[in-house]
Amino acid sequence: MHPFLVATGLVALAEMGDKTQLLSLVLAARYRRPVPIILGVLVATALNHGMAAALGDVLARVLTPSILNWAVVLSFVAMGLWILVPDKLNQDELPQRTASGVFATTLLSFFVAEMGDKTQIATVALAARFAEWLPVVAGTTLGMMLANVPAIIFGDRFAHRLPARWIQATAAVLFIVLGGIALGHALHG
C-alpha cells in the first residue's frame, strides 16, 4: 500500500471524535471564521506531523530492523486499542482570543493539543514503518484536514450525524490489521 494513502485513511478515521476534532468544533463555534481556523489547523498539523515523522524516520534508522518491526507491531496494535477510548475536551483547554487573531490562536492551540495525541503517535509509527517522510506527512496532514474541515465548516450540526463509534471501530480495526501485517514482517524478518 502506498504510504500516502494509508496515512491519509488511517489518520482521517482516527481523528473522528478525537480531542483535536472537538477543538476544531469549539474554535468554529467561538470565532465563526472558518478560513483562518482551517489555515491554522493546516499549518499546526503540518508542523506537528512533520516533527513526528522526523522522529519516526530517526527511529527507523537507529533501531535494528528486528526491534523496529516489533515496535511498529506494538504501536499499531496500541493505536488500534487507544482509538476505542473516546476523547473529551476539557473547558480548561479552550483557547482564549488573543491579539494575534484567530489564525494564531488556532495554530497554537491545535499544535499543543496535538502533542502526544493519537494521530501524532500514528504519524511516528507510519514514518518508521514506511521510511518515507514526505508521503507520510502529506497523508497524515490531508487526513487531519478531511476530518477537521467539515467540523469547522458545518459545526455541531454535521458532527453529531456521523456515526463516530463506527468510524472509531473501523480505524481501530485498520490499525490492528496493520499491526498484524507488521507482526508477519517481524516474525519473518
N, C-alpha and C. Protein backbone atom coordinates (compact mmCIF):
# COMPACT_ATOMS: atom_id res chain seq x y z
N MET A 1 0.85 -1.19 0.00
CA MET A 1 0.00 0.00 0.00
C MET A 1 0.89 1.25 0.00
N HIS A 2 0.47 2.23 -0.68
CA HIS A 2 1.24 3.47 -0.75
C HIS A 2 1.15 4.21 0.58
N PRO A 3 2.28 4.68 1.11
CA PRO A 3 2.28 5.36 2.42
C PRO A 3 1.33 6.55 2.50
N PHE A 4 1.22 7.32 1.41
CA PHE A 4 0.34 8.49 1.41
C PHE A 4 -1.11 8.08 1.64
N LEU A 5 -1.57 7.07 0.92
CA LEU A 5 -2.97 6.64 1.03
C LEU A 5 -3.27 6.01 2.39
N VAL A 6 -2.34 5.19 2.87
CA VAL A 6 -2.51 4.56 4.18
C VAL A 6 -2.56 5.64 5.26
N ALA A 7 -1.62 6.57 5.20
CA ALA A 7 -1.56 7.64 6.21
C ALA A 7 -2.83 8.50 6.17
N THR A 8 -3.28 8.84 4.97
CA THR A 8 -4.48 9.66 4.85
C THR A 8 -5.70 8.96 5.45
N GLY A 9 -5.91 7.73 5.05
CA GLY A 9 -7.09 7.00 5.53
C GLY A 9 -7.06 6.74 7.02
N LEU A 10 -5.93 6.28 7.52
CA LEU A 10 -5.86 5.97 8.95
C LEU A 10 -6.04 7.21 9.82
N VAL A 11 -5.40 8.29 9.46
CA VAL A 11 -5.49 9.49 10.29
C VAL A 11 -6.88 10.13 10.17
N ALA A 12 -7.47 10.13 8.99
CA ALA A 12 -8.83 10.68 8.84
C ALA A 12 -9.80 9.91 9.74
N LEU A 13 -9.69 8.61 9.76
CA LEU A 13 -10.56 7.81 10.62
C LEU A 13 -10.22 7.99 12.10
N ALA A 14 -8.93 7.99 12.41
CA ALA A 14 -8.51 8.11 13.82
C ALA A 14 -8.90 9.47 14.40
N GLU A 15 -9.01 10.49 13.58
CA GLU A 15 -9.33 11.84 14.05
C GLU A 15 -10.80 12.01 14.42
N MET A 16 -11.67 11.13 13.92
CA MET A 16 -13.10 11.25 14.20
C MET A 16 -13.35 11.10 15.70
N GLY A 17 -13.91 12.12 16.29
CA GLY A 17 -14.20 12.10 17.72
C GLY A 17 -13.00 12.39 18.59
N ASP A 18 -11.87 12.69 17.98
CA ASP A 18 -10.65 12.97 18.72
C ASP A 18 -10.70 14.35 19.36
N LYS A 19 -9.86 14.56 20.35
CA LYS A 19 -9.82 15.83 21.07
C LYS A 19 -9.56 17.01 20.13
N THR A 20 -8.70 16.83 19.14
CA THR A 20 -8.41 17.95 18.24
C THR A 20 -9.58 18.21 17.29
N GLN A 21 -10.37 17.20 16.98
CA GLN A 21 -11.58 17.46 16.19
C GLN A 21 -12.59 18.23 17.04
N LEU A 22 -12.69 17.86 18.30
CA LEU A 22 -13.56 18.62 19.21
C LEU A 22 -13.07 20.06 19.32
N LEU A 23 -11.76 20.25 19.37
CA LEU A 23 -11.20 21.61 19.41
C LEU A 23 -11.59 22.38 18.15
N SER A 24 -11.56 21.73 17.00
CA SER A 24 -11.98 22.38 15.75
C SER A 24 -13.42 22.86 15.85
N LEU A 25 -14.29 22.02 16.40
CA LEU A 25 -15.70 22.40 16.58
C LEU A 25 -15.83 23.62 17.50
N VAL A 26 -15.07 23.59 18.59
CA VAL A 26 -15.13 24.70 19.56
C VAL A 26 -14.63 26.00 18.93
N LEU A 27 -13.52 25.91 18.21
CA LEU A 27 -12.98 27.11 17.55
C LEU A 27 -13.97 27.66 16.53
N ALA A 28 -14.60 26.77 15.78
CA ALA A 28 -15.59 27.21 14.78
C ALA A 28 -16.78 27.88 15.45
N ALA A 29 -17.25 27.31 16.54
CA ALA A 29 -18.40 27.88 17.25
C ALA A 29 -18.04 29.22 17.89
N ARG A 30 -16.84 29.31 18.43
CA ARG A 30 -16.43 30.52 19.15
C ARG A 30 -16.14 31.67 18.20
N TYR A 31 -15.39 31.43 17.14
CA TYR A 31 -14.92 32.52 16.29
C TYR A 31 -15.72 32.71 15.01
N ARG A 32 -16.38 31.68 14.53
CA ARG A 32 -17.19 31.75 13.32
C ARG A 32 -16.43 32.38 12.14
N ARG A 33 -15.17 32.00 12.01
CA ARG A 33 -14.33 32.47 10.91
C ARG A 33 -13.59 31.25 10.37
N PRO A 34 -14.21 30.49 9.47
CA PRO A 34 -13.64 29.21 9.06
C PRO A 34 -12.28 29.29 8.35
N VAL A 35 -12.04 30.29 7.53
CA VAL A 35 -10.80 30.32 6.76
C VAL A 35 -9.56 30.41 7.66
N PRO A 36 -9.47 31.36 8.60
CA PRO A 36 -8.27 31.37 9.44
C PRO A 36 -8.17 30.14 10.35
N ILE A 37 -9.31 29.56 10.72
CA ILE A 37 -9.27 28.35 11.55
C ILE A 37 -8.72 27.19 10.71
N ILE A 38 -9.21 27.04 9.50
CA ILE A 38 -8.72 25.97 8.61
C ILE A 38 -7.23 26.13 8.34
N LEU A 39 -6.79 27.35 8.06
CA LEU A 39 -5.37 27.60 7.81
C LEU A 39 -4.53 27.32 9.06
N GLY A 40 -5.05 27.68 10.23
CA GLY A 40 -4.34 27.40 11.48
C GLY A 40 -4.19 25.91 11.73
N VAL A 41 -5.26 25.15 11.47
CA VAL A 41 -5.21 23.70 11.63
C VAL A 41 -4.21 23.09 10.63
N LEU A 42 -4.23 23.57 9.40
CA LEU A 42 -3.32 23.06 8.37
C LEU A 42 -1.86 23.27 8.76
N VAL A 43 -1.51 24.49 9.14
CA VAL A 43 -0.12 24.80 9.48
C VAL A 43 0.29 24.04 10.76
N ALA A 44 -0.57 24.02 11.77
CA ALA A 44 -0.25 23.32 13.01
C ALA A 44 -0.04 21.83 12.76
N THR A 45 -0.90 21.25 11.94
CA THR A 45 -0.79 19.81 11.64
C THR A 45 0.48 19.52 10.86
N ALA A 46 0.75 20.32 9.83
CA ALA A 46 1.95 20.09 9.03
C ALA A 46 3.21 20.18 9.89
N LEU A 47 3.29 21.18 10.76
CA LEU A 47 4.45 21.32 11.64
C LEU A 47 4.54 20.15 12.63
N ASN A 48 3.44 19.86 13.28
CA ASN A 48 3.41 18.81 14.30
C ASN A 48 3.72 17.45 13.68
N HIS A 49 3.07 17.13 12.59
CA HIS A 49 3.28 15.82 11.98
C HIS A 49 4.63 15.75 11.26
N GLY A 50 5.13 16.89 10.82
CA GLY A 50 6.49 16.91 10.26
C GLY A 50 7.51 16.51 11.31
N MET A 51 7.37 17.05 12.52
CA MET A 51 8.27 16.68 13.62
C MET A 51 8.08 15.21 14.00
N ALA A 52 6.83 14.75 14.03
CA ALA A 52 6.55 13.36 14.40
C ALA A 52 7.14 12.40 13.37
N ALA A 53 7.00 12.73 12.09
CA ALA A 53 7.56 11.87 11.04
C ALA A 53 9.08 11.87 11.09
N ALA A 54 9.67 13.01 11.41
CA ALA A 54 11.13 13.07 11.55
C ALA A 54 11.58 12.13 12.67
N LEU A 55 10.85 12.12 13.78
CA LEU A 55 11.17 11.21 14.87
C LEU A 55 11.03 9.76 14.40
N GLY A 56 9.96 9.44 13.69
CA GLY A 56 9.78 8.10 13.15
C GLY A 56 10.90 7.69 12.22
N ASP A 57 11.35 8.64 11.40
CA ASP A 57 12.45 8.40 10.47
C ASP A 57 13.74 8.11 11.23
N VAL A 58 13.99 8.89 12.28
CA VAL A 58 15.19 8.67 13.11
C VAL A 58 15.12 7.29 13.77
N LEU A 59 13.96 6.96 14.31
CA LEU A 59 13.82 5.64 14.94
C LEU A 59 14.07 4.52 13.94
N ALA A 60 13.59 4.70 12.72
CA ALA A 60 13.80 3.68 11.69
C ALA A 60 15.28 3.51 11.37
N ARG A 61 16.06 4.55 11.51
CA ARG A 61 17.49 4.48 11.21
C ARG A 61 18.32 4.00 12.40
N VAL A 62 17.86 4.30 13.61
CA VAL A 62 18.63 3.99 14.81
C VAL A 62 18.38 2.58 15.32
N LEU A 63 17.14 2.15 15.27
CA LEU A 63 16.79 0.84 15.80
C LEU A 63 17.14 -0.26 14.80
N THR A 64 17.48 -1.40 15.33
CA THR A 64 17.73 -2.54 14.45
C THR A 64 16.42 -2.92 13.77
N PRO A 65 16.49 -3.52 12.60
CA PRO A 65 15.24 -3.90 11.91
C PRO A 65 14.32 -4.77 12.77
N SER A 66 14.88 -5.66 13.53
CA SER A 66 14.07 -6.53 14.37
C SER A 66 13.33 -5.73 15.45
N ILE A 67 14.05 -4.87 16.14
CA ILE A 67 13.44 -4.05 17.19
C ILE A 67 12.41 -3.09 16.58
N LEU A 68 12.76 -2.50 15.45
CA LEU A 68 11.83 -1.59 14.78
C LEU A 68 10.54 -2.32 14.37
N ASN A 69 10.68 -3.52 13.82
CA ASN A 69 9.49 -4.29 13.43
C ASN A 69 8.58 -4.54 14.63
N TRP A 70 9.16 -4.93 15.76
CA TRP A 70 8.35 -5.19 16.95
C TRP A 70 7.76 -3.90 17.52
N ALA A 71 8.51 -2.81 17.44
CA ALA A 71 7.99 -1.51 17.91
C ALA A 71 6.80 -1.08 17.05
N VAL A 72 6.89 -1.30 15.75
CA VAL A 72 5.79 -0.95 14.85
C VAL A 72 4.57 -1.83 15.15
N VAL A 73 4.79 -3.12 15.38
CA VAL A 73 3.69 -4.03 15.73
C VAL A 73 2.97 -3.50 16.97
N LEU A 74 3.75 -3.24 18.01
CA LEU A 74 3.15 -2.77 19.27
C LEU A 74 2.46 -1.43 19.10
N SER A 75 3.07 -0.52 18.34
CA SER A 75 2.47 0.81 18.19
C SER A 75 1.16 0.74 17.42
N PHE A 76 1.09 -0.07 16.36
CA PHE A 76 -0.16 -0.18 15.60
C PHE A 76 -1.27 -0.82 16.43
N VAL A 77 -0.94 -1.88 17.15
CA VAL A 77 -1.95 -2.53 17.99
C VAL A 77 -2.39 -1.58 19.11
N ALA A 78 -1.43 -0.90 19.74
CA ALA A 78 -1.77 0.06 20.80
C ALA A 78 -2.65 1.18 20.26
N MET A 79 -2.33 1.68 19.06
CA MET A 79 -3.15 2.73 18.45
C MET A 79 -4.56 2.22 18.19
N GLY A 80 -4.67 0.99 17.71
CA GLY A 80 -5.98 0.41 17.46
C GLY A 80 -6.83 0.36 18.71
N LEU A 81 -6.21 0.01 19.83
CA LEU A 81 -6.94 -0.06 21.10
C LEU A 81 -7.21 1.34 21.65
N TRP A 82 -6.26 2.25 21.52
CA TRP A 82 -6.39 3.61 22.05
C TRP A 82 -7.53 4.36 21.36
N ILE A 83 -7.70 4.12 20.07
CA ILE A 83 -8.75 4.80 19.31
C ILE A 83 -10.13 4.50 19.88
N LEU A 84 -10.28 3.34 20.49
CA LEU A 84 -11.58 2.96 21.04
C LEU A 84 -11.95 3.76 22.28
N VAL A 85 -10.99 4.47 22.87
CA VAL A 85 -11.25 5.31 24.04
C VAL A 85 -11.61 6.70 23.54
N PRO A 86 -12.86 7.14 23.73
CA PRO A 86 -13.26 8.45 23.22
C PRO A 86 -12.58 9.58 23.97
N ASP A 87 -12.24 10.63 23.22
CA ASP A 87 -11.62 11.82 23.81
C ASP A 87 -12.68 12.80 24.26
N LYS A 88 -12.33 13.59 25.25
CA LYS A 88 -13.17 14.68 25.72
C LYS A 88 -12.30 15.92 25.77
N LEU A 89 -12.88 17.06 25.51
CA LEU A 89 -12.16 18.32 25.57
C LEU A 89 -12.54 19.03 26.85
N ASN A 90 -11.56 19.29 27.72
CA ASN A 90 -11.81 19.98 28.98
C ASN A 90 -12.04 21.46 28.72
N GLN A 91 -12.88 22.08 29.54
CA GLN A 91 -13.13 23.52 29.41
C GLN A 91 -11.83 24.32 29.59
N ASP A 92 -10.90 23.81 30.40
CA ASP A 92 -9.62 24.50 30.61
C ASP A 92 -8.79 24.56 29.34
N GLU A 93 -9.05 23.64 28.40
CA GLU A 93 -8.27 23.59 27.17
C GLU A 93 -8.81 24.51 26.09
N LEU A 94 -9.92 25.15 26.34
CA LEU A 94 -10.49 26.03 25.32
C LEU A 94 -9.59 27.24 25.10
N PRO A 95 -9.34 27.58 23.83
CA PRO A 95 -8.46 28.71 23.55
C PRO A 95 -9.14 30.04 23.87
N GLN A 96 -8.35 30.99 24.25
CA GLN A 96 -8.82 32.35 24.51
C GLN A 96 -8.45 33.21 23.30
N ARG A 97 -9.28 34.22 23.02
CA ARG A 97 -8.99 35.13 21.91
C ARG A 97 -7.72 35.92 22.26
N THR A 98 -6.82 36.00 21.30
CA THR A 98 -5.57 36.71 21.52
C THR A 98 -5.49 37.88 20.54
N ALA A 99 -4.54 38.78 20.83
CA ALA A 99 -4.35 39.94 19.96
C ALA A 99 -3.86 39.51 18.58
N SER A 100 -3.22 38.36 18.48
CA SER A 100 -2.68 37.91 17.19
C SER A 100 -3.73 37.27 16.29
N GLY A 101 -4.95 37.21 16.78
CA GLY A 101 -6.06 36.79 15.91
C GLY A 101 -6.40 35.32 15.95
N VAL A 102 -7.41 35.01 15.21
CA VAL A 102 -7.97 33.66 15.18
C VAL A 102 -6.96 32.66 14.62
N PHE A 103 -6.23 33.03 13.58
CA PHE A 103 -5.23 32.12 12.99
C PHE A 103 -4.20 31.72 14.03
N ALA A 104 -3.61 32.69 14.71
CA ALA A 104 -2.57 32.38 15.70
C ALA A 104 -3.13 31.57 16.86
N THR A 105 -4.33 31.90 17.30
CA THR A 105 -4.96 31.16 18.39
C THR A 105 -5.18 29.71 17.97
N THR A 106 -5.68 29.53 16.75
CA THR A 106 -5.91 28.17 16.24
C THR A 106 -4.59 27.43 16.10
N LEU A 107 -3.61 28.06 15.50
CA LEU A 107 -2.30 27.44 15.29
C LEU A 107 -1.71 26.96 16.61
N LEU A 108 -1.66 27.82 17.58
CA LEU A 108 -1.05 27.48 18.86
C LEU A 108 -1.85 26.42 19.60
N SER A 109 -3.16 26.62 19.71
CA SER A 109 -3.97 25.68 20.49
C SER A 109 -4.02 24.31 19.82
N PHE A 110 -4.10 24.27 18.50
CA PHE A 110 -4.16 22.99 17.80
C PHE A 110 -2.82 22.27 17.87
N PHE A 111 -1.72 23.00 17.70
CA PHE A 111 -0.38 22.40 17.78
C PHE A 111 -0.16 21.77 19.15
N VAL A 112 -0.50 22.49 20.21
CA VAL A 112 -0.32 21.99 21.57
C VAL A 112 -1.24 20.80 21.85
N ALA A 113 -2.50 20.90 21.41
CA ALA A 113 -3.45 19.81 21.64
C ALA A 113 -3.03 18.53 20.91
N GLU A 114 -2.35 18.66 19.81
CA GLU A 114 -1.93 17.50 19.02
C GLU A 114 -0.69 16.80 19.61
N MET A 115 0.01 17.46 20.52
CA MET A 115 1.20 16.85 21.13
C MET A 115 0.81 15.60 21.91
N GLY A 116 1.39 14.48 21.55
CA GLY A 116 1.11 13.22 22.23
C GLY A 116 -0.26 12.63 21.89
N ASP A 117 -0.95 13.21 20.92
CA ASP A 117 -2.28 12.74 20.54
C ASP A 117 -2.16 11.49 19.67
N LYS A 118 -3.27 10.79 19.52
CA LYS A 118 -3.28 9.55 18.75
C LYS A 118 -2.71 9.73 17.35
N THR A 119 -3.14 10.79 16.68
CA THR A 119 -2.71 10.97 15.30
C THR A 119 -1.23 11.34 15.20
N GLN A 120 -0.69 12.01 16.21
CA GLN A 120 0.74 12.30 16.20
C GLN A 120 1.54 11.01 16.41
N ILE A 121 1.11 10.19 17.35
CA ILE A 121 1.79 8.91 17.59
C ILE A 121 1.66 8.02 16.35
N ALA A 122 0.51 8.05 15.71
CA ALA A 122 0.32 7.27 14.48
C ALA A 122 1.29 7.75 13.40
N THR A 123 1.53 9.05 13.33
CA THR A 123 2.46 9.59 12.34
C THR A 123 3.87 9.08 12.59
N VAL A 124 4.28 9.04 13.85
CA VAL A 124 5.61 8.49 14.19
C VAL A 124 5.70 7.04 13.70
N ALA A 125 4.67 6.25 14.03
CA ALA A 125 4.67 4.83 13.65
C ALA A 125 4.65 4.64 12.13
N LEU A 126 3.84 5.43 11.44
CA LEU A 126 3.76 5.31 9.99
C LEU A 126 5.08 5.70 9.33
N ALA A 127 5.72 6.75 9.82
CA ALA A 127 7.00 7.17 9.26
C ALA A 127 8.07 6.12 9.52
N ALA A 128 8.05 5.51 10.69
CA ALA A 128 9.01 4.45 11.00
C ALA A 128 8.74 3.22 10.13
N ARG A 129 7.49 2.92 9.92
CA ARG A 129 7.11 1.73 9.14
C ARG A 129 7.46 1.88 7.67
N PHE A 130 7.13 3.03 7.08
CA PHE A 130 7.30 3.21 5.65
C PHE A 130 8.63 3.87 5.27
N ALA A 131 9.27 4.55 6.22
CA ALA A 131 10.55 5.24 5.97
C ALA A 131 10.46 6.20 4.78
N GLU A 132 9.30 6.82 4.64
CA GLU A 132 9.09 7.83 3.60
C GLU A 132 8.44 9.04 4.25
N TRP A 133 9.25 10.02 4.59
CA TRP A 133 8.82 11.17 5.38
C TRP A 133 7.74 11.98 4.68
N LEU A 134 7.99 12.42 3.47
CA LEU A 134 7.07 13.33 2.79
C LEU A 134 5.69 12.71 2.52
N PRO A 135 5.60 11.50 1.97
CA PRO A 135 4.26 10.94 1.75
C PRO A 135 3.49 10.72 3.06
N VAL A 136 4.19 10.37 4.12
CA VAL A 136 3.52 10.17 5.41
C VAL A 136 2.99 11.50 5.94
N VAL A 137 3.82 12.54 5.95
CA VAL A 137 3.37 13.85 6.45
C VAL A 137 2.25 14.40 5.59
N ALA A 138 2.40 14.30 4.27
CA ALA A 138 1.33 14.78 3.38
C ALA A 138 0.04 14.01 3.62
N GLY A 139 0.14 12.70 3.79
CA GLY A 139 -1.04 11.88 4.03
C GLY A 139 -1.70 12.14 5.37
N THR A 140 -0.89 12.23 6.43
CA THR A 140 -1.49 12.48 7.74
C THR A 140 -2.08 13.88 7.82
N THR A 141 -1.44 14.83 7.18
CA THR A 141 -1.98 16.20 7.16
C THR A 141 -3.30 16.23 6.38
N LEU A 142 -3.34 15.57 5.23
CA LEU A 142 -4.59 15.52 4.47
C LEU A 142 -5.68 14.81 5.27
N GLY A 143 -5.32 13.72 5.94
CA GLY A 143 -6.29 13.01 6.78
C GLY A 143 -6.86 13.89 7.87
N MET A 144 -6.01 14.69 8.49
CA MET A 144 -6.48 15.62 9.53
C MET A 144 -7.42 16.65 8.93
N MET A 145 -7.09 17.15 7.74
CA MET A 145 -7.94 18.16 7.11
C MET A 145 -9.27 17.56 6.67
N LEU A 146 -9.25 16.32 6.19
CA LEU A 146 -10.50 15.67 5.78
C LEU A 146 -11.45 15.50 6.97
N ALA A 147 -10.89 15.27 8.14
CA ALA A 147 -11.72 15.10 9.34
C ALA A 147 -12.12 16.43 9.96
N ASN A 148 -11.26 17.43 9.90
CA ASN A 148 -11.50 18.68 10.62
C ASN A 148 -12.20 19.76 9.82
N VAL A 149 -11.96 19.84 8.53
CA VAL A 149 -12.58 20.91 7.74
C VAL A 149 -14.11 20.82 7.78
N PRO A 150 -14.71 19.63 7.59
CA PRO A 150 -16.17 19.59 7.72
C PRO A 150 -16.65 20.00 9.12
N ALA A 151 -15.89 19.63 10.14
CA ALA A 151 -16.26 20.02 11.51
C ALA A 151 -16.22 21.54 11.65
N ILE A 152 -15.24 22.17 11.03
CA ILE A 152 -15.11 23.62 11.11
C ILE A 152 -16.22 24.31 10.31
N ILE A 153 -16.49 23.81 9.12
CA ILE A 153 -17.47 24.45 8.25
C ILE A 153 -18.90 24.20 8.71
N PHE A 154 -19.20 22.97 9.04
CA PHE A 154 -20.58 22.63 9.36
C PHE A 154 -20.88 22.59 10.85
N GLY A 155 -19.85 22.61 11.68
CA GLY A 155 -20.04 22.68 13.12
C GLY A 155 -20.78 21.50 13.71
N ASP A 156 -21.45 21.76 14.79
CA ASP A 156 -22.13 20.71 15.55
C ASP A 156 -23.19 19.98 14.75
N ARG A 157 -23.90 20.67 13.87
CA ARG A 157 -24.97 20.02 13.11
C ARG A 157 -24.46 18.81 12.35
N PHE A 158 -23.31 18.95 11.71
CA PHE A 158 -22.76 17.88 10.89
C PHE A 158 -22.09 16.81 11.74
N ALA A 159 -21.34 17.20 12.74
CA ALA A 159 -20.56 16.26 13.53
C ALA A 159 -21.43 15.26 14.28
N HIS A 160 -22.57 15.68 14.76
CA HIS A 160 -23.43 14.78 15.52
C HIS A 160 -24.12 13.74 14.64
N ARG A 161 -24.13 13.95 13.35
CA ARG A 161 -24.78 13.00 12.44
C ARG A 161 -23.87 11.86 12.03
N LEU A 162 -22.57 12.03 12.24
CA LEU A 162 -21.63 10.97 11.88
C LEU A 162 -21.67 9.86 12.92
N PRO A 163 -21.62 8.61 12.49
CA PRO A 163 -21.60 7.50 13.44
C PRO A 163 -20.18 7.35 14.01
N ALA A 164 -19.82 8.21 14.93
CA ALA A 164 -18.45 8.28 15.44
C ALA A 164 -17.97 6.94 15.98
N ARG A 165 -18.82 6.22 16.67
CA ARG A 165 -18.41 4.93 17.25
C ARG A 165 -18.02 3.93 16.16
N TRP A 166 -18.79 3.91 15.05
CA TRP A 166 -18.46 3.01 13.95
C TRP A 166 -17.17 3.42 13.26
N ILE A 167 -16.99 4.72 13.10
CA ILE A 167 -15.78 5.22 12.47
C ILE A 167 -14.57 4.88 13.34
N GLN A 168 -14.68 5.09 14.65
CA GLN A 168 -13.59 4.74 15.56
C GLN A 168 -13.30 3.25 15.52
N ALA A 169 -14.33 2.43 15.48
CA ALA A 169 -14.14 0.98 15.43
C ALA A 169 -13.43 0.57 14.14
N THR A 170 -13.81 1.19 13.02
CA THR A 170 -13.16 0.90 11.74
C THR A 170 -11.69 1.29 11.78
N ALA A 171 -11.39 2.46 12.33
CA ALA A 171 -9.99 2.89 12.46
C ALA A 171 -9.22 1.93 13.35
N ALA A 172 -9.83 1.51 14.45
CA ALA A 172 -9.17 0.58 15.37
C ALA A 172 -8.84 -0.73 14.66
N VAL A 173 -9.80 -1.25 13.90
CA VAL A 173 -9.57 -2.50 13.17
C VAL A 173 -8.44 -2.33 12.15
N LEU A 174 -8.44 -1.20 11.44
CA LEU A 174 -7.38 -0.96 10.45
C LEU A 174 -6.00 -0.91 11.10
N PHE A 175 -5.89 -0.24 12.24
CA PHE A 175 -4.60 -0.20 12.94
C PHE A 175 -4.19 -1.60 13.39
N ILE A 176 -5.13 -2.38 13.89
CA ILE A 176 -4.81 -3.73 14.35
C ILE A 176 -4.43 -4.62 13.16
N VAL A 177 -5.10 -4.45 12.02
CA VAL A 177 -4.73 -5.19 10.82
C VAL A 177 -3.30 -4.82 10.40
N LEU A 178 -3.00 -3.53 10.41
CA LEU A 178 -1.62 -3.12 10.09
C LEU A 178 -0.64 -3.71 11.09
N GLY A 179 -1.06 -3.78 12.36
CA GLY A 179 -0.22 -4.43 13.37
C GLY A 179 0.00 -5.89 13.03
N GLY A 180 -1.04 -6.57 12.55
CA GLY A 180 -0.90 -7.97 12.14
C GLY A 180 0.04 -8.13 10.97
N ILE A 181 -0.08 -7.22 10.00
CA ILE A 181 0.84 -7.26 8.85
C ILE A 181 2.28 -7.02 9.32
N ALA A 182 2.44 -6.04 10.21
CA ALA A 182 3.78 -5.77 10.75
C ALA A 182 4.28 -6.97 11.55
N LEU A 183 3.37 -7.65 12.24
CA LEU A 183 3.76 -8.85 13.00
C LEU A 183 4.29 -9.93 12.05
N GLY A 184 3.62 -10.08 10.91
CA GLY A 184 4.12 -11.03 9.91
C GLY A 184 5.52 -10.69 9.46
N HIS A 185 5.79 -9.39 9.24
CA HIS A 185 7.14 -8.95 8.86
C HIS A 185 8.13 -9.20 9.99
N ALA A 186 7.70 -8.94 11.23
CA ALA A 186 8.60 -9.13 12.38
C ALA A 186 8.96 -10.61 12.56
N LEU A 187 7.99 -11.48 12.36
CA LEU A 187 8.24 -12.90 12.55
C LEU A 187 9.09 -13.49 11.42
N HIS A 188 8.94 -12.93 10.22
CA HIS A 188 9.69 -13.47 9.07
C HIS A 188 10.91 -12.64 8.71
N GLY A 189 11.10 -11.49 9.40
CA GLY A 189 12.19 -10.58 9.04
C GLY A 189 13.38 -10.79 9.87
